[in-house]
Every structure is written in C-alpha cells, then in structure tokens.
Amino acid sequence: MTSFIRSICLAALLAAGSAWAQQQTTDNPDNPHSTKAKSKAGSDVSASSTNQQVDQAERGNPDDPNYKDREKMATGADHEAMMQNATPQMQLQKLHLTNLHEIELGKLAEQNGSEKVKSFAQTLQRDHKAADKQVMDLAKKKGFTLTDTMQDAEKQQHKQMAKDRLTNLKGAQFDREFANAMWMGHRKVISLVNSWTQSCKDQDVCTLETSLLPKLQQHEQMAAQLRGPLPQGKAPEPTR
C-alpha cells in the first residue's frame, strides 16, 4: 500500500515538472515557437513597415502623379525667392529679357490683333525698345554681359509654347489672350521692380528701374482696359 502511494506521488511530480518545462519553453521569447516571440516579431515588422512608409511619405514618392507638380511648385517658389533677392546684374538681365519678350509679342499683336490691340502693340514696342536701350547702356557701363535667352531651358520652352499658342489665335480670341498675358506679365515685373528698389543694391540700377516704372504701370493699365471685366467667378489664366 505504501509503495502504491509513493508511485502515485512520483507520477504526479513528474507530470507537474513536465508541464512546467513545456510552459517555460513556450513563453521563452528567444524560442521561435514561443507565442511571445511571435508577438514580438509581428510588432517589430509592423513598426519597421510603418517607419518605411513614413520615410517615403516625407521624401515624396516619384511615382505619385502629384509628385512632379509639388516639385515644380517648390522650384517655382525657389525661383521667385531668388528673383526677389536678385543681384544688380540679374535685375538688368530680367529687364532685358522682359523688353525683348514684349517687343516680340507686340509684333505678333500687330499681325493677329484687332485695331485697338494693334495700337497697344505699337506702344509696347516703342516703349520697350527705348527701355532696353537704357538697360543695355547701363549694363555696358557696369561691365555686365546680358544674354538674349533664358538660362532655364524649361522656362524658355514654356515661353515659346505661350507664344506659339498666341500665334494660332486671331481676332477677339487673340485680343483677350494677349491682353491677359500683358496684364499679368507687367504686374509681375512691377512687383519685382518695387522689391528691388526697396532693398537697393546698386543706386544706378535702382535709379533706372524707378524711371521705368511709370511706363510699366501705364502698360498694365492699358492691358487691363483691353481685358475688360471678367465673367463672374472666372479667374484669369496664369502666365509665366
């Protein structure tokens, strides 16, 4: 009887020891079969995946259709900021290119526009030719070399596309597009000139820019009159 009881107790102890050992093996995080190890691995993978997604979102996904638009907006903002702080040579270069552009479009307007637009086109050509002579004379005096084309190929291409679009228009449609382009273009130049003269870097350049402002403002007003009132709720198309 005593031996039988001992056998039962020994069996119970062995069973308890086996169960304890199995539990320790299962709950050991270092054991790949452990439920805790699986939970930990899942958590690590999830966190790693999330971090990668965040990093990618912050950098921007080049495959995202909106990525290039955001990149262009940033580039455009950088260019505007750069022009606000332009050197005297950059300022004269900008004015020179603007004069050439207005003269070129003025010639086109004489061919494609109505009589009222042709009159404005003649004024543009006359005034911008006179302004460009002053710009070139001052650049020569300062030892600045000015070019007739934009250094930024993309902006040069955009300008050419805008000109090509106007070339294919006639009559009232041309008048409207041309007047809108002249109005917005002169507004941008006037804004730049005002910012340059407020933080003047070269007094000779600032004096010239100040003398050019009245004509630029007159051209803006003439273009605004040609545009006429816009249909309610319709915003003007942006131009560069």
C-alpha atoms as a PDB file:
ATOM      1  CA  MET A   1       0.000   0.000   0.000  1.00  0.00           C
ATOM      2  CA  THR A   2       2.767   2.388   0.900  1.00  0.00           C
ATOM      3  CA  SER A   3       4.609   1.584  -2.346  1.00  0.00           C
ATOM      4  CA  PHE A   4       1.424   2.245  -4.340  1.00  0.00           C
ATOM      5  CA  ILE A   5       1.004   5.687  -2.746  1.00  0.00           C
ATOM      6  CA  ARG A   6       4.638   6.510  -3.438  1.00  0.00           C
ATOM      7  CA  SER A   7       4.190   5.566  -7.092  1.00  0.00           C
ATOM      8  CA  ILE A   8       1.179   7.863  -7.389  1.00  0.00           C
ATOM      9  CA  CYS A   9       3.065  10.823  -5.820  1.00  0.00           C
ATOM     10  CA  LEU A  10       6.094  10.279  -8.066  1.00  0.00           C
ATOM     11  CA  ALA A  11       3.905  10.206 -11.171  1.00  0.00           C
ATOM     12  CA  ALA A  12       2.203  13.438 -10.098  1.00  0.00           C
ATOM     13  CA  LEU A  13       5.548  15.142  -9.527  1.00  0.00           C
ATOM     14  CA  LEU A  14       6.837  14.045 -12.953  1.00  0.00           C
ATOM     15  CA  ALA A  15       3.668  15.298 -14.660  1.00  0.00           C
ATOM     16  CA  ALA A  16       3.926  18.686 -12.912  1.00  0.00           C
ATOM     17  CA  GLY A  17       7.595  19.008 -13.858  1.00  0.00           C
ATOM     18  CA  SER A  18       6.860  18.221 -17.495  1.00  0.00           C
ATOM     19  CA  ALA A  19       4.060  20.784 -17.624  1.00  0.00           C
ATOM     20  CA  TRP A  20       6.285  23.467 -16.073  1.00  0.00           C
ATOM     21  CA  ALA A  21       9.115  22.784 -18.543  1.00  0.00           C
ATOM     22  CA  GLN A  22       6.715  22.961 -21.506  1.00  0.00           C
ATOM     23  CA  GLN A  23       5.297  26.277 -20.260  1.00  0.00           C
ATOM     24  CA  GLN A  24       8.810  27.756 -19.899  1.00  0.00           C
ATOM     25  CA  THR A  25       9.707  26.679 -23.443  1.00  0.00           C
ATOM     26  CA  THR A  26       6.522  28.153 -24.896  1.00  0.00           C
ATOM     27  CA  ASP A  27       6.824  31.513 -23.079  1.00  0.00           C
ATOM     28  CA  ASN A  28      10.563  31.975 -23.722  1.00  0.00           C
ATOM     29  CA  PRO A  29      10.840  34.988 -26.080  1.00  0.00           C
ATOM     30  CA  ASP A  30      14.060  33.580 -27.550  1.00  0.00           C
ATOM     31  CA  ASN A  31      12.277  30.419 -28.630  1.00  0.00           C
ATOM     32  CA  PRO A  32      10.912  30.790 -32.190  1.00  0.00           C
ATOM     33  CA  HIS A  33       7.922  28.652 -31.215  1.00  0.00           C
ATOM     34  CA  SER A  34       7.068  30.932 -28.285  1.00  0.00           C
ATOM     35  CA  THR A  35       3.794  32.889 -28.543  1.00  0.00           C
ATOM     36  CA  LYS A  36       5.622  35.892 -27.072  1.00  0.00           C
ATOM     37  CA  ALA A  37       8.338  35.603 -29.712  1.00  0.00           C
ATOM     38  CA  LYS A  38       5.699  35.591 -32.454  1.00  0.00           C
ATOM     39  CA  SER A  39       4.010  38.620 -30.948  1.00  0.00           C
ATOM     40  CA  LYS A  40       7.339  40.441 -30.661  1.00  0.00           C
ATOM     41  CA  ALA A  41       8.276  39.627 -34.259  1.00  0.00           C
ATOM     42  CA  GLY A  42       4.915  40.832 -35.508  1.00  0.00           C
ATOM     43  CA  SER A  43       5.316  44.054 -33.592  1.00  0.00           C
ATOM     44  CA  ASP A  44       8.842  44.606 -34.987  1.00  0.00           C
ATOM     45  CA  VAL A  45       7.711  44.010 -38.590  1.00  0.00           C
ATOM     46  CA  SER A  46       4.746  46.309 -38.177  1.00  0.00           C
ATOM     47  CA  ALA A  47       6.883  49.094 -36.694  1.00  0.00           C
ATOM     48  CA  SER A  48       9.536  48.696 -39.398  1.00  0.00           C
ATOM     49  CA  SER A  49       6.922  48.793 -42.142  1.00  0.00           C
ATOM     50  CA  THR A  50       5.305  51.871 -40.631  1.00  0.00           C
ATOM     51  CA  ASN A  51       8.640  53.677 -40.380  1.00  0.00           C
ATOM     52  CA  GLN A  52       9.381  52.946 -44.041  1.00  0.00           C
ATOM     53  CA  GLN A  53       6.006  54.322 -45.062  1.00  0.00           C
ATOM     54  CA  VAL A  54       6.576  57.499 -43.048  1.00  0.00           C
ATOM     55  CA  ASP A  55      10.049  57.982 -44.510  1.00  0.00           C
ATOM     56  CA  GLN A  56       8.717  57.503 -48.035  1.00  0.00           C
ATOM     57  CA  ALA A  57       5.881  59.947 -47.431  1.00  0.00           C
ATOM     58  CA  GLU A  58       8.284  62.585 -46.133  1.00  0.00           C
ATOM     59  CA  ARG A  59      10.637  62.192 -49.082  1.00  0.00           C
ATOM     60  CA  GLY A  60       7.839  62.078 -51.628  1.00  0.00           C
ATOM     61  CA  ASN A  61       7.066  59.216 -53.979  1.00  0.00           C
ATOM     62  CA  PRO A  62       8.367  59.882 -57.515  1.00  0.00           C
ATOM     63  CA  ASP A  63       5.661  57.540 -58.861  1.00  0.00           C
ATOM     64  CA  ASP A  64       2.937  59.687 -57.313  1.00  0.00           C
ATOM     65  CA  PRO A  65       1.234  61.671 -60.144  1.00  0.00           C
ATOM     66  CA  ASN A  66       1.230  64.744 -57.895  1.00  0.00           C
ATOM     67  CA  TYR A  67       4.965  64.473 -57.103  1.00  0.00           C
ATOM     68  CA  LYS A  68       6.122  66.424 -60.175  1.00  0.00           C
ATOM     69  CA  ASP A  69       3.539  69.138 -59.534  1.00  0.00           C
ATOM     70  CA  ARG A  70       4.808  69.584 -55.975  1.00  0.00           C
ATOM     71  CA  GLU A  71       8.385  69.605 -57.261  1.00  0.00           C
ATOM     72  CA  LYS A  72       7.533  72.294 -59.834  1.00  0.00           C
ATOM     73  CA  MET A  73       5.765  74.362 -57.208  1.00  0.00           C
ATOM     74  CA  ALA A  74       8.817  74.175 -54.962  1.00  0.00           C
ATOM     75  CA  THR A  75      11.100  75.053 -57.865  1.00  0.00           C
ATOM     76  CA  GLY A  76       8.865  77.958 -58.813  1.00  0.00           C
ATOM     77  CA  ALA A  77       8.831  79.219 -55.249  1.00  0.00           C
ATOM     78  CA  ASP A  78      12.634  78.983 -55.111  1.00  0.00           C
ATOM     79  CA  HIS A  79      12.925  80.940 -58.365  1.00  0.00           C
ATOM     80  CA  GLU A  80      10.603  83.679 -57.113  1.00  0.00           C
ATOM     81  CA  ALA A  81      12.572  83.952 -53.879  1.00  0.00           C
ATOM     82  CA  MET A  82      15.815  84.116 -55.847  1.00  0.00           C
ATOM     83  CA  MET A  83      14.482  86.900 -58.079  1.00  0.00           C
ATOM     84  CA  GLN A  84      13.343  88.900 -55.061  1.00  0.00           C
ATOM     85  CA  ASN A  85      16.989  88.912 -53.923  1.00  0.00           C
ATOM     86  CA  ALA A  86      18.494  89.258 -57.403  1.00  0.00           C
ATOM     87  CA  THR A  87      21.876  90.875 -57.896  1.00  0.00           C
ATOM     88  CA  PRO A  88      22.040  94.098 -59.964  1.00  0.00           C
ATOM     89  CA  GLN A  89      23.205  92.091 -62.984  1.00  0.00           C
ATOM     90  CA  MET A  90      20.340  89.613 -62.590  1.00  0.00           C
ATOM     91  CA  GLN A  91      17.910  92.536 -62.355  1.00  0.00           C
ATOM     92  CA  LEU A  92      19.142  94.053 -65.612  1.00  0.00           C
ATOM     93  CA  GLN A  93      19.082  90.610 -67.239  1.00  0.00           C
ATOM     94  CA  LYS A  94      15.444  90.164 -66.223  1.00  0.00           C
ATOM     95  CA  LEU A  95      14.502  93.602 -67.559  1.00  0.00           C
ATOM     96  CA  HIS A  96      16.335  92.908 -70.828  1.00  0.00           C
ATOM     97  CA  LEU A  97      14.502  89.612 -71.392  1.00  0.00           C
ATOM     98  CA  THR A  98      11.199  91.266 -70.491  1.00  0.00           C
ATOM     99  CA  ASN A  99      11.806  94.021 -73.045  1.00  0.00           C
ATOM    100  CA  LEU A 100      12.625  91.504 -75.774  1.00  0.00           C
ATOM    101  CA  HIS A 101       9.539  89.464 -74.925  1.00  0.00           C
ATOM    102  CA  GLU A 102       7.200  92.469 -75.027  1.00  0.00           C
ATOM    103  CA  ILE A 103       8.683  93.675 -78.327  1.00  0.00           C
ATOM    104  CA  GLU A 104       8.293  90.205 -79.851  1.00  0.00           C
ATOM    105  CA  LEU A 105       4.683  89.832 -78.725  1.00  0.00           C
ATOM    106  CA  GLY A 106       3.958  93.398 -79.825  1.00  0.00           C
ATOM    107  CA  LYS A 107       4.982  92.467 -83.369  1.00  0.00           C
ATOM    108  CA  LEU A 108       2.737  89.405 -83.208  1.00  0.00           C
ATOM    109  CA  ALA A 109      -0.196  91.516 -81.958  1.00  0.00           C
ATOM    110  CA  GLU A 110       0.151  93.824 -84.963  1.00  0.00           C
ATOM    111  CA  GLN A 111      -0.434  90.818 -87.192  1.00  0.00           C
ATOM    112  CA  ASN A 112      -3.154  88.918 -85.294  1.00  0.00           C
ATOM    113  CA  GLY A 113      -4.990  91.500 -83.194  1.00  0.00           C
ATOM    114  CA  SER A 114      -7.809  93.956 -83.753  1.00  0.00           C
ATOM    115  CA  GLU A 115      -7.181  97.669 -84.347  1.00  0.00           C
ATOM    116  CA  LYS A 116      -7.301  98.592 -80.638  1.00  0.00           C
ATOM    117  CA  VAL A 117      -4.797  95.853 -79.804  1.00  0.00           C
ATOM    118  CA  LYS A 118      -2.541  96.898 -82.677  1.00  0.00           C
ATOM    119  CA  SER A 119      -2.366 100.404 -81.226  1.00  0.00           C
ATOM    120  CA  PHE A 120      -1.351  98.986 -77.842  1.00  0.00           C
ATOM    121  CA  ALA A 121       1.185  96.720 -79.570  1.00  0.00           C
ATOM    122  CA  GLN A 122       2.860  99.713 -81.202  1.00  0.00           C
ATOM    123  CA  THR A 123       3.100 101.465 -77.843  1.00  0.00           C
ATOM    124  CA  LEU A 124       4.641  98.362 -76.293  1.00  0.00           C
ATOM    125  CA  GLN A 125       7.279  98.083 -78.987  1.00  0.00           C
ATOM    126  CA  ARG A 126       8.226 101.745 -78.871  1.00  0.00           C
ATOM    127  CA  ASP A 127       8.464 101.954 -75.081  1.00  0.00           C
ATOM    128  CA  HIS A 128      10.267  98.652 -74.559  1.00  0.00           C
ATOM    129  CA  LYS A 129      12.809  99.373 -77.293  1.00  0.00           C
ATOM    130  CA  ALA A 130      13.621 102.662 -75.563  1.00  0.00           C
ATOM    131  CA  ALA A 131      13.764 100.919 -72.156  1.00  0.00           C
ATOM    132  CA  ASP A 132      16.007  98.174 -73.473  1.00  0.00           C
ATOM    133  CA  LYS A 133      18.494 100.687 -74.843  1.00  0.00           C
ATOM    134  CA  GLN A 134      18.770 102.194 -71.363  1.00  0.00           C
ATOM    135  CA  VAL A 135      19.180  98.748 -69.808  1.00  0.00           C
ATOM    136  CA  MET A 136      21.896  97.712 -72.260  1.00  0.00           C
ATOM    137  CA  ASP A 137      23.752 101.012 -71.898  1.00  0.00           C
ATOM    138  CA  LEU A 138      23.835 100.688 -68.115  1.00  0.00           C
ATOM    139  CA  ALA A 139      24.890  97.027 -68.314  1.00  0.00           C
ATOM    140  CA  LYS A 140      27.786  98.010 -70.579  1.00  0.00           C
ATOM    141  CA  LYS A 141      28.792 100.771 -68.164  1.00  0.00           C
ATOM    142  CA  LYS A 142      28.744  98.285 -65.263  1.00  0.00           C
ATOM    143  CA  GLY A 143      30.628  95.621 -67.220  1.00  0.00           C
ATOM    144  CA  PHE A 144      27.663  93.218 -67.151  1.00  0.00           C
ATOM    145  CA  THR A 145      27.122  90.757 -70.000  1.00  0.00           C
ATOM    146  CA  LEU A 146      23.426  90.185 -70.789  1.00  0.00           C
ATOM    147  CA  THR A 147      22.059  87.327 -72.895  1.00  0.00           C
ATOM    148  CA  ASP A 148      19.024  87.229 -75.182  1.00  0.00           C
ATOM    149  CA  THR A 149      17.771  83.834 -73.980  1.00  0.00           C
ATOM    150  CA  MET A 150      16.821  82.372 -70.611  1.00  0.00           C
ATOM    151  CA  GLN A 151      19.345  80.134 -68.906  1.00  0.00           C
ATOM    152  CA  ASP A 152      16.461  77.975 -67.608  1.00  0.00           C
ATOM    153  CA  ALA A 153      15.582  75.689 -70.548  1.00  0.00           C
ATOM    154  CA  GLU A 154      12.209  74.734 -69.071  1.00  0.00           C
ATOM    155  CA  LYS A 155      11.121  78.351 -68.668  1.00  0.00           C
ATOM    156  CA  GLN A 156      12.365  79.158 -72.166  1.00  0.00           C
ATOM    157  CA  GLN A 157      10.290  76.285 -73.524  1.00  0.00           C
ATOM    158  CA  HIS A 158       7.230  77.464 -71.604  1.00  0.00           C
ATOM    159  CA  LYS A 159       7.622  80.969 -73.020  1.00  0.00           C
ATOM    160  CA  GLN A 160       7.903  79.589 -76.550  1.00  0.00           C
ATOM    161  CA  MET A 161       4.778  77.462 -76.050  1.00  0.00           C
ATOM    162  CA  ALA A 162       2.856  80.545 -74.876  1.00  0.00           C
ATOM    163  CA  LYS A 163       3.980  82.444 -77.963  1.00  0.00           C
ATOM    164  CA  ASP A 164       3.048  79.531 -80.243  1.00  0.00           C
ATOM    165  CA  ARG A 165      -0.407  79.446 -78.693  1.00  0.00           C
ATOM    166  CA  LEU A 166      -0.917  83.153 -79.381  1.00  0.00           C
ATOM    167  CA  THR A 167       0.374  82.720 -82.936  1.00  0.00           C
ATOM    168  CA  ASN A 168      -2.520  80.380 -83.703  1.00  0.00           C
ATOM    169  CA  LEU A 169      -5.195  82.787 -82.420  1.00  0.00           C
ATOM    170  CA  LYS A 170      -6.947  85.532 -84.347  1.00  0.00           C
ATOM    171  CA  GLY A 171      -9.399  88.368 -83.722  1.00  0.00           C
ATOM    172  CA  ALA A 172     -11.270  88.650 -80.437  1.00  0.00           C
ATOM    173  CA  GLN A 173      -9.770  85.444 -79.035  1.00  0.00           C
ATOM    174  CA  PHE A 174      -6.259  86.716 -79.661  1.00  0.00           C
ATOM    175  CA  ASP A 175      -7.126  90.127 -78.167  1.00  0.00           C
ATOM    176  CA  ARG A 176      -8.355  88.518 -74.945  1.00  0.00           C
ATOM    177  CA  GLU A 177      -5.367  86.172 -74.504  1.00  0.00           C
ATOM    178  CA  PHE A 178      -2.835  88.824 -75.449  1.00  0.00           C
ATOM    179  CA  ALA A 179      -4.290  91.465 -73.118  1.00  0.00           C
ATOM    180  CA  ASN A 180      -4.421  88.960 -70.258  1.00  0.00           C
ATOM    181  CA  ALA A 181      -0.781  87.938 -70.803  1.00  0.00           C
ATOM    182  CA  MET A 182       0.345  91.579 -70.927  1.00  0.00           C
ATOM    183  CA  TRP A 183      -1.601  92.487 -67.792  1.00  0.00           C
ATOM    184  CA  MET A 184      -0.253  89.629 -65.692  1.00  0.00           C
ATOM    185  CA  GLY A 185       3.275  89.925 -67.101  1.00  0.00           C
ATOM    186  CA  HIS A 186       3.530  93.629 -66.302  1.00  0.00           C
ATOM    187  CA  ARG A 187       2.113  93.092 -62.809  1.00  0.00           C
ATOM    188  CA  LYS A 188       4.888  90.592 -62.056  1.00  0.00           C
ATOM    189  CA  VAL A 189       7.645  92.868 -63.347  1.00  0.00           C
ATOM    190  CA  ILE A 190       6.257  95.868 -61.447  1.00  0.00           C
ATOM    191  CA  SER A 191       6.200  93.810 -58.253  1.00  0.00           C
ATOM    192  CA  LEU A 192       9.821  92.762 -58.774  1.00  0.00           C
ATOM    193  CA  VAL A 193      10.986  96.301 -59.524  1.00  0.00           C
ATOM    194  CA  ASN A 194       9.293  97.594 -56.382  1.00  0.00           C
ATOM    195  CA  SER A 195      11.005  94.938 -54.264  1.00  0.00           C
ATOM    196  CA  TRP A 196      14.401  95.673 -55.857  1.00  0.00           C
ATOM    197  CA  THR A 197      14.199  99.411 -55.280  1.00  0.00           C
ATOM    198  CA  GLN A 198      13.063  98.947 -51.668  1.00  0.00           C
ATOM    199  CA  SER A 199      16.239  96.988 -50.876  1.00  0.00           C
ATOM    200  CA  CYS A 200      18.549  98.712 -53.342  1.00  0.00           C
ATOM    201  CA  LYS A 201      21.889  97.011 -54.039  1.00  0.00           C
ATOM    202  CA  ASP A 202      23.149  99.438 -56.725  1.00  0.00           C
ATOM    203  CA  GLN A 203      21.968 103.030 -56.859  1.00  0.00           C
ATOM    204  CA  ASP A 204      22.464 103.386 -60.623  1.00  0.00           C
ATOM    205  CA  VAL A 205      20.379 100.287 -61.293  1.00  0.00           C
ATOM    206  CA  CYS A 206      17.691 101.399 -58.849  1.00  0.00           C
ATOM    207  CA  THR A 207      17.524 104.845 -60.447  1.00  0.00           C
ATOM    208  CA  LEU A 208      16.965 103.273 -63.862  1.00  0.00           C
ATOM    209  CA  GLU A 209      14.305 100.904 -62.513  1.00  0.00           C
ATOM    210  CA  THR A 210      12.463 103.769 -60.839  1.00  0.00           C
ATOM    211  CA  SER A 211      12.465 105.695 -64.118  1.00  0.00           C
ATOM    212  CA  LEU A 212      10.984 102.682 -65.955  1.00  0.00           C
ATOM    213  CA  LEU A 213       8.121 102.148 -63.505  1.00  0.00           C
ATOM    214  CA  PRO A 214       5.676 104.770 -64.907  1.00  0.00           C
ATOM    215  CA  LYS A 215       5.704 103.174 -68.377  1.00  0.00           C
ATOM    216  CA  LEU A 216       5.309  99.686 -66.939  1.00  0.00           C
ATOM    217  CA  GLN A 217       2.339 100.842 -64.876  1.00  0.00           C
ATOM    218  CA  GLN A 218       0.829 102.560 -67.911  1.00  0.00           C
ATOM    219  CA  HIS A 219       1.132  99.333 -69.927  1.00  0.00           C
ATOM    220  CA  GLU A 220      -0.525  97.391 -67.108  1.00  0.00           C
ATOM    221  CA  GLN A 221      -3.468  99.816 -67.093  1.00  0.00           C
ATOM    222  CA  MET A 222      -3.826  99.691 -70.878  1.00  0.00           C
ATOM    223  CA  ALA A 223      -3.810  95.891 -70.815  1.00  0.00           C
ATOM    224  CA  ALA A 224      -6.406  95.879 -68.023  1.00  0.00           C
ATOM    225  CA  GLN A 225      -8.713  98.059 -70.129  1.00  0.00           C
ATOM    226  CA  LEU A 226      -8.301  95.735 -73.112  1.00  0.00           C
ATOM    227  CA  ARG A 227      -9.122  92.711 -70.963  1.00  0.00           C
ATOM    228  CA  GLY A 228     -12.364  94.255 -69.827  1.00  0.00           C
ATOM    229  CA  PRO A 229     -14.404  92.804 -66.952  1.00  0.00           C
ATOM    230  CA  LEU A 230     -14.009  89.070 -66.468  1.00  0.00           C
ATOM    231  CA  PRO A 231     -17.118  86.853 -66.362  1.00  0.00           C
ATOM    232  CA  GLN A 232     -18.284  86.472 -62.774  1.00  0.00           C
ATOM    233  CA  GLY A 233     -16.471  83.678 -60.964  1.00  0.00           C
ATOM    234  CA  LYS A 234     -13.839  83.225 -63.697  1.00  0.00           C
ATOM    235  CA  ALA A 235     -10.219  83.751 -62.704  1.00  0.00           C
ATOM    236  CA  PRO A 236      -7.567  84.838 -65.203  1.00  0.00           C
ATOM    237  CA  GLU A 237      -5.305  82.133 -66.561  1.00  0.00           C
ATOM    238  CA  PRO A 238      -1.801  82.291 -65.037  1.00  0.00           C
ATOM    239  CA  THR A 239       1.149  83.106 -67.272  1.00  0.00           C
ATOM    240  CA  ARG A 240       4.899  82.999 -66.660  1.00  0.00           C
END
